[in-house]
């Protein structure tokens, strides 16, 4: 996935922080995660009425690259090996 280039070089840390959390949903995502800590994707989406699946996925991927969120994949469902 191509990521938008950062504006840098930054004059101060606030400049860099605003670049990392810019976007309509990122602040709300961080608020939801701070409130509930660990959330599955569907739970997070239900907690953010109006966000599309595409936009939530895009913002979460950007935030993961920036080190703001941590993602874990759990092997669930399907058939277990013998």
PDB file of N, CA and C in Angstrom:
ATOM      1  N   UNK A   1       0.840  -1.174   0.000  1.00  0.00           N
ATOM      2  CA  UNK A   1       0.000   0.000   0.000  1.00  0.00           C
ATOM      3  C   UNK A   1       0.887   1.240   0.000  1.00  0.00           C
ATOM      4  N   UNK A   2       0.653   2.129  -0.916  1.00  0.00           N
ATOM      5  CA  UNK A   2       1.437   3.355  -0.981  1.00  0.00           C
ATOM      6  C   UNK A   2       0.993   4.295   0.125  1.00  0.00           C
ATOM      7  N   UNK A   3       1.959   4.852   0.779  1.00  0.00           N
ATOM      8  CA  UNK A   3       1.676   5.751   1.893  1.00  0.00           C
ATOM      9  C   UNK A   3       1.958   7.178   1.463  1.00  0.00           C
ATOM     10  N   UNK A   4       1.127   8.113   1.911  1.00  0.00           N
ATOM     11  CA  UNK A   4       1.373   9.504   1.565  1.00  0.00           C
ATOM     12  C   UNK A   4       2.701   9.940   2.178  1.00  0.00           C
ATOM     13  N   UNK A   5       3.478  10.688   1.442  1.00  0.00           N
ATOM     14  CA  UNK A   5       4.769  11.119   1.988  1.00  0.00           C
ATOM     15  C   UNK A   5       4.577  12.124   3.119  1.00  0.00           C
ATOM     16  N   UNK A   6       5.465  12.071   4.076  1.00  0.00           N
ATOM     17  CA  UNK A   6       5.436  13.026   5.174  1.00  0.00           C
ATOM     18  C   UNK A   6       5.935  14.374   4.671  1.00  0.00           C
ATOM     19  N   UNK A   7       5.507  15.422   5.340  1.00  0.00           N
ATOM     20  CA  UNK A   7       5.895  16.764   4.919  1.00  0.00           C
ATOM     21  C   UNK A   7       7.333  17.089   5.267  1.00  0.00           C
ATOM     22  N   UNK A   8       7.834  16.586   6.412  1.00  0.00           N
ATOM     23  CA  UNK A   8       9.159  16.897   6.953  1.00  0.00           C
ATOM     24  C   UNK A   8      10.068  17.656   5.997  1.00  0.00           C
ATOM     25  N   UNK A   9      11.162  18.173   6.403  1.00  0.00           N
ATOM     26  CA  UNK A   9      11.673  18.117   7.768  1.00  0.00           C
ATOM     27  C   UNK A   9      10.830  18.988   8.694  1.00  0.00           C
ATOM     28  N   UNK A  10      10.723  18.543   9.918  1.00  0.00           N
ATOM     29  CA  UNK A  10       9.870  19.215  10.889  1.00  0.00           C
ATOM     30  C   UNK A  10      10.658  20.234  11.696  1.00  0.00           C
ATOM     31  N   UNK A  11       9.978  21.296  12.041  1.00  0.00           N
ATOM     32  CA  UNK A  11      10.581  22.339  12.860  1.00  0.00           C
ATOM     33  C   UNK A  11      10.533  21.953  14.336  1.00  0.00           C
ATOM     34  N   UNK A  12       9.447  21.272  14.724  1.00  0.00           N
ATOM     35  CA  UNK A  12       9.310  20.861  16.124  1.00  0.00           C
ATOM     36  C   UNK A  12       8.526  19.559  16.212  1.00  0.00           C
ATOM     37  N   UNK A  13       8.461  18.993  17.394  1.00  0.00           N
ATOM     38  CA  UNK A  13       7.768  17.733  17.599  1.00  0.00           C
ATOM     39  C   UNK A  13       6.272  17.825  17.370  1.00  0.00           C
ATOM     40  N   UNK A  14       5.702  18.977  17.655  1.00  0.00           N
ATOM     41  CA  UNK A  14       4.265  19.148  17.451  1.00  0.00           C
ATOM     42  C   UNK A  14       3.930  19.054  15.972  1.00  0.00           C
ATOM     43  N   UNK A  15       4.786  19.610  15.138  1.00  0.00           N
ATOM     44  CA  UNK A  15       4.618  19.537  13.691  1.00  0.00           C
ATOM     45  C   UNK A  15       4.566  18.075  13.235  1.00  0.00           C
ATOM     46  N   UNK A  16       5.489  17.266  13.742  1.00  0.00           N
ATOM     47  CA  UNK A  16       5.549  15.847  13.382  1.00  0.00           C
ATOM     48  C   UNK A  16       4.323  15.110  13.927  1.00  0.00           C
ATOM     49  N   UNK A  17       3.928  15.399  15.157  1.00  0.00           N
ATOM     50  CA  UNK A  17       2.776  14.731  15.775  1.00  0.00           C
ATOM     51  C   UNK A  17       1.497  15.012  14.996  1.00  0.00           C
ATOM     52  N   UNK A  18       1.307  16.246  14.600  1.00  0.00           N
ATOM     53  CA  UNK A  18       0.112  16.594  13.840  1.00  0.00           C
ATOM     54  C   UNK A  18       0.090  15.888  12.496  1.00  0.00           C
ATOM     55  N   UNK A  19       1.246  15.693  11.894  1.00  0.00           N
ATOM     56  CA  UNK A  19       1.309  14.982  10.629  1.00  0.00           C
ATOM     57  C   UNK A  19       0.921  13.519  10.812  1.00  0.00           C
ATOM     58  N   UNK A  20       1.330  12.912  11.920  1.00  0.00           N
ATOM     59  CA  UNK A  20       1.056  11.500  12.178  1.00  0.00           C
ATOM     60  C   UNK A  20      -0.416  11.262  12.507  1.00  0.00           C
ATOM     61  N   UNK A  21      -1.060  12.165  13.226  1.00  0.00           N
ATOM     62  CA  UNK A  21      -2.454  11.953  13.625  1.00  0.00           C
ATOM     63  C   UNK A  21      -3.449  12.758  12.792  1.00  0.00           C
ATOM     64  N   UNK A  22      -2.999  13.302  11.677  1.00  0.00           N
ATOM     65  CA  UNK A  22      -3.923  14.056  10.837  1.00  0.00           C
ATOM     66  C   UNK A  22      -4.912  13.101  10.178  1.00  0.00           C
ATOM     67  N   UNK A  23      -6.083  13.558   9.968  1.00  0.00           N
ATOM     68  CA  UNK A  23      -7.139  12.752   9.373  1.00  0.00           C
ATOM     69  C   UNK A  23      -8.375  12.803  10.249  1.00  0.00           C
ATOM     70  N   UNK A  24      -9.508  12.639   9.622  1.00  0.00           N
ATOM     71  CA  UNK A  24     -10.776  12.773  10.335  1.00  0.00           C
ATOM     72  C   UNK A  24     -10.941  11.728  11.437  1.00  0.00           C
ATOM     73  N   UNK A  25     -10.456  10.515  11.222  1.00  0.00           N
ATOM     74  CA  UNK A  25     -10.770   9.419  12.124  1.00  0.00           C
ATOM     75  C   UNK A  25      -9.663   9.047  13.092  1.00  0.00           C
ATOM     76  N   UNK A  26      -8.441   9.450  12.850  1.00  0.00           N
ATOM     77  CA  UNK A  26      -7.326   8.983  13.685  1.00  0.00           C
ATOM     78  C   UNK A  26      -7.470   9.381  15.150  1.00  0.00           C
ATOM     79  N   UNK A  27      -7.887  10.583  15.419  1.00  0.00           N
ATOM     80  CA  UNK A  27      -8.090  11.012  16.795  1.00  0.00           C
ATOM     81  C   UNK A  27      -9.186  10.210  17.475  1.00  0.00           C
ATOM     82  N   UNK A  28     -10.246   9.939  16.735  1.00  0.00           N
ATOM     83  CA  UNK A  28     -11.344   9.150  17.284  1.00  0.00           C
ATOM     84  C   UNK A  28     -10.933   7.702  17.509  1.00  0.00           C
ATOM     85  N   UNK A  29     -10.129   7.156  16.605  1.00  0.00           N
ATOM     86  CA  UNK A  29      -9.624   5.792  16.767  1.00  0.00           C
ATOM     87  C   UNK A  29      -8.775   5.712  18.026  1.00  0.00           C
ATOM     88  N   UNK A  30      -7.879   6.669  18.201  1.00  0.00           N
ATOM     89  CA  UNK A  30      -7.031   6.673  19.390  1.00  0.00           C
ATOM     90  C   UNK A  30      -7.860   6.803  20.663  1.00  0.00           C
ATOM     91  N   UNK A  31      -8.901   7.615  20.627  1.00  0.00           N
ATOM     92  CA  UNK A  31      -9.775   7.783  21.789  1.00  0.00           C
ATOM     93  C   UNK A  31     -10.470   6.457  22.122  1.00  0.00           C
ATOM     94  N   UNK A  32     -10.987   5.800  21.102  1.00  0.00           N
ATOM     95  CA  UNK A  32     -11.681   4.521  21.296  1.00  0.00           C
ATOM     96  C   UNK A  32     -10.728   3.463  21.852  1.00  0.00           C
ATOM     97  N   UNK A  33      -9.517   3.418  21.331  1.00  0.00           N
ATOM     98  CA  UNK A  33      -8.542   2.441  21.808  1.00  0.00           C
ATOM     99  C   UNK A  33      -8.066   2.778  23.223  1.00  0.00           C
ATOM    100  N   UNK A  34      -7.942   4.043  23.538  1.00  0.00           N
ATOM    101  CA  UNK A  34      -7.539   4.429  24.887  1.00  0.00           C
ATOM    102  C   UNK A  34      -8.625   4.073  25.897  1.00  0.00           C
ATOM    103  N   UNK A  35      -9.858   4.231  25.495  1.00  0.00           N
ATOM    104  CA  UNK A  35     -10.987   3.940  26.373  1.00  0.00           C
ATOM    105  C   UNK A  35     -11.134   2.442  26.639  1.00  0.00           C
ATOM    106  N   UNK A  36     -10.963   1.627  25.599  1.00  0.00           N
ATOM    107  CA  UNK A  36     -11.227   0.188  25.709  1.00  0.00           C
ATOM    108  C   UNK A  36      -9.978  -0.680  25.605  1.00  0.00           C
ATOM    109  N   UNK A  37      -8.823  -0.078  25.377  1.00  0.00           N
ATOM    110  CA  UNK A  37      -7.540  -0.786  25.229  1.00  0.00           C
ATOM    111  C   UNK A  37      -7.538  -1.712  24.021  1.00  0.00           C
ATOM    112  N   UNK A  38      -7.862  -2.967  24.208  1.00  0.00           N
ATOM    113  CA  UNK A  38      -7.803  -3.941  23.117  1.00  0.00           C
ATOM    114  C   UNK A  38      -9.165  -4.031  22.451  1.00  0.00           C
ATOM    115  N   UNK A  39      -9.187  -3.885  21.134  1.00  0.00           N
ATOM    116  CA  UNK A  39     -10.448  -3.968  20.387  1.00  0.00           C
ATOM    117  C   UNK A  39     -10.227  -4.779  19.131  1.00  0.00           C
ATOM    118  N   UNK A  40     -11.169  -5.629  18.826  1.00  0.00           N
ATOM    119  CA  UNK A  40     -11.169  -6.303  17.531  1.00  0.00           C
ATOM    120  C   UNK A  40     -11.667  -5.296  16.498  1.00  0.00           C
ATOM    121  N   UNK A  41     -11.376  -5.582  15.233  1.00  0.00           N
ATOM    122  CA  UNK A  41     -11.720  -4.653  14.168  1.00  0.00           C
ATOM    123  C   UNK A  41     -13.216  -4.316  14.182  1.00  0.00           C
ATOM    124  N   UNK A  42     -14.065  -5.336  14.263  1.00  0.00           N
ATOM    125  CA  UNK A  42     -15.514  -5.106  14.224  1.00  0.00           C
ATOM    126  C   UNK A  42     -15.979  -4.293  15.439  1.00  0.00           C
ATOM    127  N   UNK A  43     -15.388  -4.543  16.595  1.00  0.00           N
ATOM    128  CA  UNK A  43     -15.743  -3.786  17.792  1.00  0.00           C
ATOM    129  C   UNK A  43     -15.341  -2.319  17.628  1.00  0.00           C
ATOM    130  N   UNK A  44     -14.175  -2.125  17.073  1.00  0.00           N
ATOM    131  CA  UNK A  44     -13.696  -0.764  16.847  1.00  0.00           C
ATOM    132  C   UNK A  44     -14.602  -0.042  15.854  1.00  0.00           C
ATOM    133  N   UNK A  45     -14.986  -0.737  14.807  1.00  0.00           N
ATOM    134  CA  UNK A  45     -15.855  -0.128  13.799  1.00  0.00           C
ATOM    135  C   UNK A  45     -17.217   0.230  14.398  1.00  0.00           C
ATOM    136  N   UNK A  46     -17.775  -0.640  15.235  1.00  0.00           N
ATOM    137  CA  UNK A  46     -19.056  -0.337  15.881  1.00  0.00           C
ATOM    138  C   UNK A  46     -18.934   0.856  16.824  1.00  0.00           C
ATOM    139  N   UNK A  47     -17.770   1.050  17.403  1.00  0.00           N
ATOM    140  CA  UNK A  47     -17.553   2.177  18.308  1.00  0.00           C
ATOM    141  C   UNK A  47     -17.337   3.499  17.603  1.00  0.00           C
ATOM    142  N   UNK A  48     -17.218   3.450  16.271  1.00  0.00           N
ATOM    143  CA  UNK A  48     -16.993   4.660  15.468  1.00  0.00           C
ATOM    144  C   UNK A  48     -18.064   4.772  14.392  1.00  0.00           C
ATOM    145  N   UNK A  49     -19.286   5.146  14.763  1.00  0.00           N
ATOM    146  CA  UNK A  49     -20.362   5.239  13.776  1.00  0.00           C
ATOM    147  C   UNK A  49     -19.996   6.204  12.650  1.00  0.00           C
ATOM    148  N   UNK A  50     -20.219   5.755  11.437  1.00  0.00           N
ATOM    149  CA  UNK A  50     -19.981   6.606  10.275  1.00  0.00           C
ATOM    150  C   UNK A  50     -18.688   6.315   9.543  1.00  0.00           C
ATOM    151  N   UNK A  51     -17.758   5.593  10.171  1.00  0.00           N
ATOM    152  CA  UNK A  51     -16.504   5.289   9.494  1.00  0.00           C
ATOM    153  C   UNK A  51     -16.715   4.087   8.571  1.00  0.00           C
ATOM    154  N   UNK A  52     -16.158   4.172   7.371  1.00  0.00           N
ATOM    155  CA  UNK A  52     -16.259   3.044   6.453  1.00  0.00           C
ATOM    156  C   UNK A  52     -15.164   2.028   6.771  1.00  0.00           C
ATOM    157  N   UNK A  53     -15.374   0.800   6.355  1.00  0.00           N
ATOM    158  CA  UNK A  53     -14.384  -0.245   6.581  1.00  0.00           C
ATOM    159  C   UNK A  53     -13.066   0.114   5.898  1.00  0.00           C
ATOM    160  N   UNK A  54     -13.165   0.653   4.702  1.00  0.00           N
ATOM    161  CA  UNK A  54     -11.971   1.035   3.943  1.00  0.00           C
ATOM    162  C   UNK A  54     -11.171   2.120   4.674  1.00  0.00           C
ATOM    163  N   UNK A  55     -11.846   3.127   5.165  1.00  0.00           N
ATOM    164  CA  UNK A  55     -11.165   4.236   5.836  1.00  0.00           C
ATOM    165  C   UNK A  55     -10.556   3.783   7.159  1.00  0.00           C
ATOM    166  N   UNK A  56     -11.286   2.956   7.909  1.00  0.00           N
ATOM    167  CA  UNK A  56     -10.763   2.456   9.167  1.00  0.00           C
ATOM    168  C   UNK A  56      -9.519   1.604   8.927  1.00  0.00           C
ATOM    169  N   UNK A  57      -9.576   0.739   7.932  1.00  0.00           N
ATOM    170  CA  UNK A  57      -8.425  -0.099   7.586  1.00  0.00           C
ATOM    171  C   UNK A  57      -7.233   0.757   7.189  1.00  0.00           C
ATOM    172  N   UNK A  58      -7.466   1.753   6.355  1.00  0.00           N
ATOM    173  CA  UNK A  58      -6.391   2.633   5.885  1.00  0.00           C
ATOM    174  C   UNK A  58      -5.736   3.373   7.054  1.00  0.00           C
ATOM    175  N   UNK A  59      -6.548   3.952   7.915  1.00  0.00           N
ATOM    176  CA  UNK A  59      -6.006   4.696   9.053  1.00  0.00           C
ATOM    177  C   UNK A  59      -5.261   3.770  10.016  1.00  0.00           C
ATOM    178  N   UNK A  60      -5.814   2.589  10.284  1.00  0.00           N
ATOM    179  CA  UNK A  60      -5.140   1.655  11.182  1.00  0.00           C
ATOM    180  C   UNK A  60      -3.795   1.212  10.622  1.00  0.00           C
ATOM    181  N   UNK A  61      -3.726   0.971   9.326  1.00  0.00           N
ATOM    182  CA  UNK A  61      -2.448   0.584   8.704  1.00  0.00           C
ATOM    183  C   UNK A  61      -1.421   1.698   8.821  1.00  0.00           C
ATOM    184  N   UNK A  62      -1.844   2.932   8.556  1.00  0.00           N
ATOM    185  CA  UNK A  62      -0.932   4.071   8.686  1.00  0.00           C
ATOM    186  C   UNK A  62      -0.458   4.216  10.127  1.00  0.00           C
ATOM    187  N   UNK A  63      -1.377   4.053  11.070  1.00  0.00           N
ATOM    188  CA  UNK A  63      -1.033   4.203  12.480  1.00  0.00           C
ATOM    189  C   UNK A  63      -0.118   3.072  12.946  1.00  0.00           C
ATOM    190  N   UNK A  64      -0.270   1.899  12.370  1.00  0.00           N
ATOM    191  CA  UNK A  64       0.620   0.783  12.696  1.00  0.00           C
ATOM    192  C   UNK A  64       2.035   1.066  12.197  1.00  0.00           C
ATOM    193  N   UNK A  65       2.152   1.570  10.980  1.00  0.00           N
ATOM    194  CA  UNK A  65       3.456   1.933  10.419  1.00  0.00           C
ATOM    195  C   UNK A  65       4.116   3.017  11.265  1.00  0.00           C
ATOM    196  N   UNK A  66       3.316   3.964  11.760  1.00  0.00           N
ATOM    197  CA  UNK A  66       3.836   5.065  12.573  1.00  0.00           C
ATOM    198  C   UNK A  66       4.094   4.657  14.020  1.00  0.00           C
ATOM    199  N   UNK A  67       3.742   3.429  14.383  1.00  0.00           N
ATOM    200  CA  UNK A  67       4.002   2.937  15.732  1.00  0.00           C
ATOM    201  C   UNK A  67       2.978   3.374  16.770  1.00  0.00           C
ATOM    202  N   UNK A  68       1.812   3.838  16.337  1.00  0.00           N
ATOM    203  CA  UNK A  68       0.786   4.290  17.280  1.00  0.00           C
ATOM    204  C   UNK A  68      -0.086   3.147  17.779  1.00  0.00           C
ATOM    205  N   UNK A  69      -0.258   2.124  16.963  1.00  0.00           N
ATOM    206  CA  UNK A  69      -1.074   0.978  17.354  1.00  0.00           C
ATOM    207  C   UNK A  69      -0.298  -0.302  17.071  1.00  0.00           C
ATOM    208  N   UNK A  70      -0.672  -1.351  17.788  1.00  0.00           N
ATOM    209  CA  UNK A  70      -0.078  -2.664  17.592  1.00  0.00           C
ATOM    210  C   UNK A  70      -1.174  -3.611  17.145  1.00  0.00           C
ATOM    211  N   UNK A  71      -0.882  -4.401  16.135  1.00  0.00           N
ATOM    212  CA  UNK A  71      -1.870  -5.329  15.588  1.00  0.00           C
ATOM    213  C   UNK A  71      -1.412  -6.751  15.832  1.00  0.00           C
ATOM    214  N   UNK A  72      -2.345  -7.583  16.292  1.00  0.00           N
ATOM    215  CA  UNK A  72      -2.060  -9.006  16.452  1.00  0.00           C
ATOM    216  C   UNK A  72      -3.106  -9.787  15.689  1.00  0.00           C
ATOM    217  N   UNK A  73      -2.658 -10.828  15.005  1.00  0.00           N
ATOM    218  CA  UNK A  73      -3.553 -11.704  14.267  1.00  0.00           C
ATOM    219  C   UNK A  73      -3.669 -13.000  15.047  1.00  0.00           C
ATOM    220  N   UNK A  74      -4.894 -13.387  15.339  1.00  0.00           N
ATOM    221  CA  UNK A  74      -5.152 -14.613  16.078  1.00  0.00           C
ATOM    222  C   UNK A  74      -5.675 -15.672  15.122  1.00  0.00           C
ATOM    223  N   UNK A  75      -5.122 -16.878  15.202  1.00  0.00           N
ATOM    224  CA  UNK A  75      -5.591 -17.990  14.386  1.00  0.00           C
ATOM    225  C   UNK A  75      -6.890 -18.502  14.994  1.00  0.00           C
ATOM    226  N   UNK A  76      -8.001 -18.158  14.388  1.00  0.00           N
ATOM    227  CA  UNK A  76      -9.301 -18.577  14.876  1.00  0.00           C
ATOM    228  C   UNK A  76     -10.125 -19.088  13.718  1.00  0.00           C
ATOM    229  N   UNK A  77     -11.069 -19.936  14.040  1.00  0.00           N
ATOM    230  CA  UNK A  77     -11.940 -20.475  13.017  1.00  0.00           C
ATOM    231  C   UNK A  77     -11.205 -21.478  12.152  1.00  0.00           C
ATOM    232  N   UNK A  78     -11.873 -21.968  11.165  1.00  0.00           N
ATOM    233  CA  UNK A  78     -11.238 -22.933  10.285  1.00  0.00           C
ATOM    234  C   UNK A  78     -11.047 -24.268  10.955  1.00  0.00           C
ATOM    235  N   UNK A  79     -10.289 -25.118  10.299  1.00  0.00           N
ATOM    236  CA  UNK A  79     -10.055 -26.464  10.786  1.00  0.00           C
ATOM    237  C   UNK A  79      -8.667 -26.520  11.424  1.00  0.00           C
ATOM    238  N   UNK A  80      -8.597 -27.103  12.599  1.00  0.00           N
ATOM    239  CA  UNK A  80      -7.308 -27.267  13.267  1.00  0.00           C
ATOM    240  C   UNK A  80      -6.573 -28.452  12.662  1.00  0.00           C
ATOM    241  N   UNK A  81      -5.253 -28.352  12.529  1.00  0.00           N
ATOM    242  CA  UNK A  81      -4.494 -29.496  11.999  1.00  0.00           C
ATOM    243  C   UNK A  81      -4.500 -30.655  12.985  1.00  0.00           C
ATOM    244  N   UNK A  82      -4.378 -31.887  12.456  1.00  0.00           N
ATOM    245  CA  UNK A  82      -4.353 -33.092  13.299  1.00  0.00           C
ATOM    246  C   UNK A  82      -3.097 -33.168  14.120  1.00  0.00           C
TER     247      UNK A  82
END
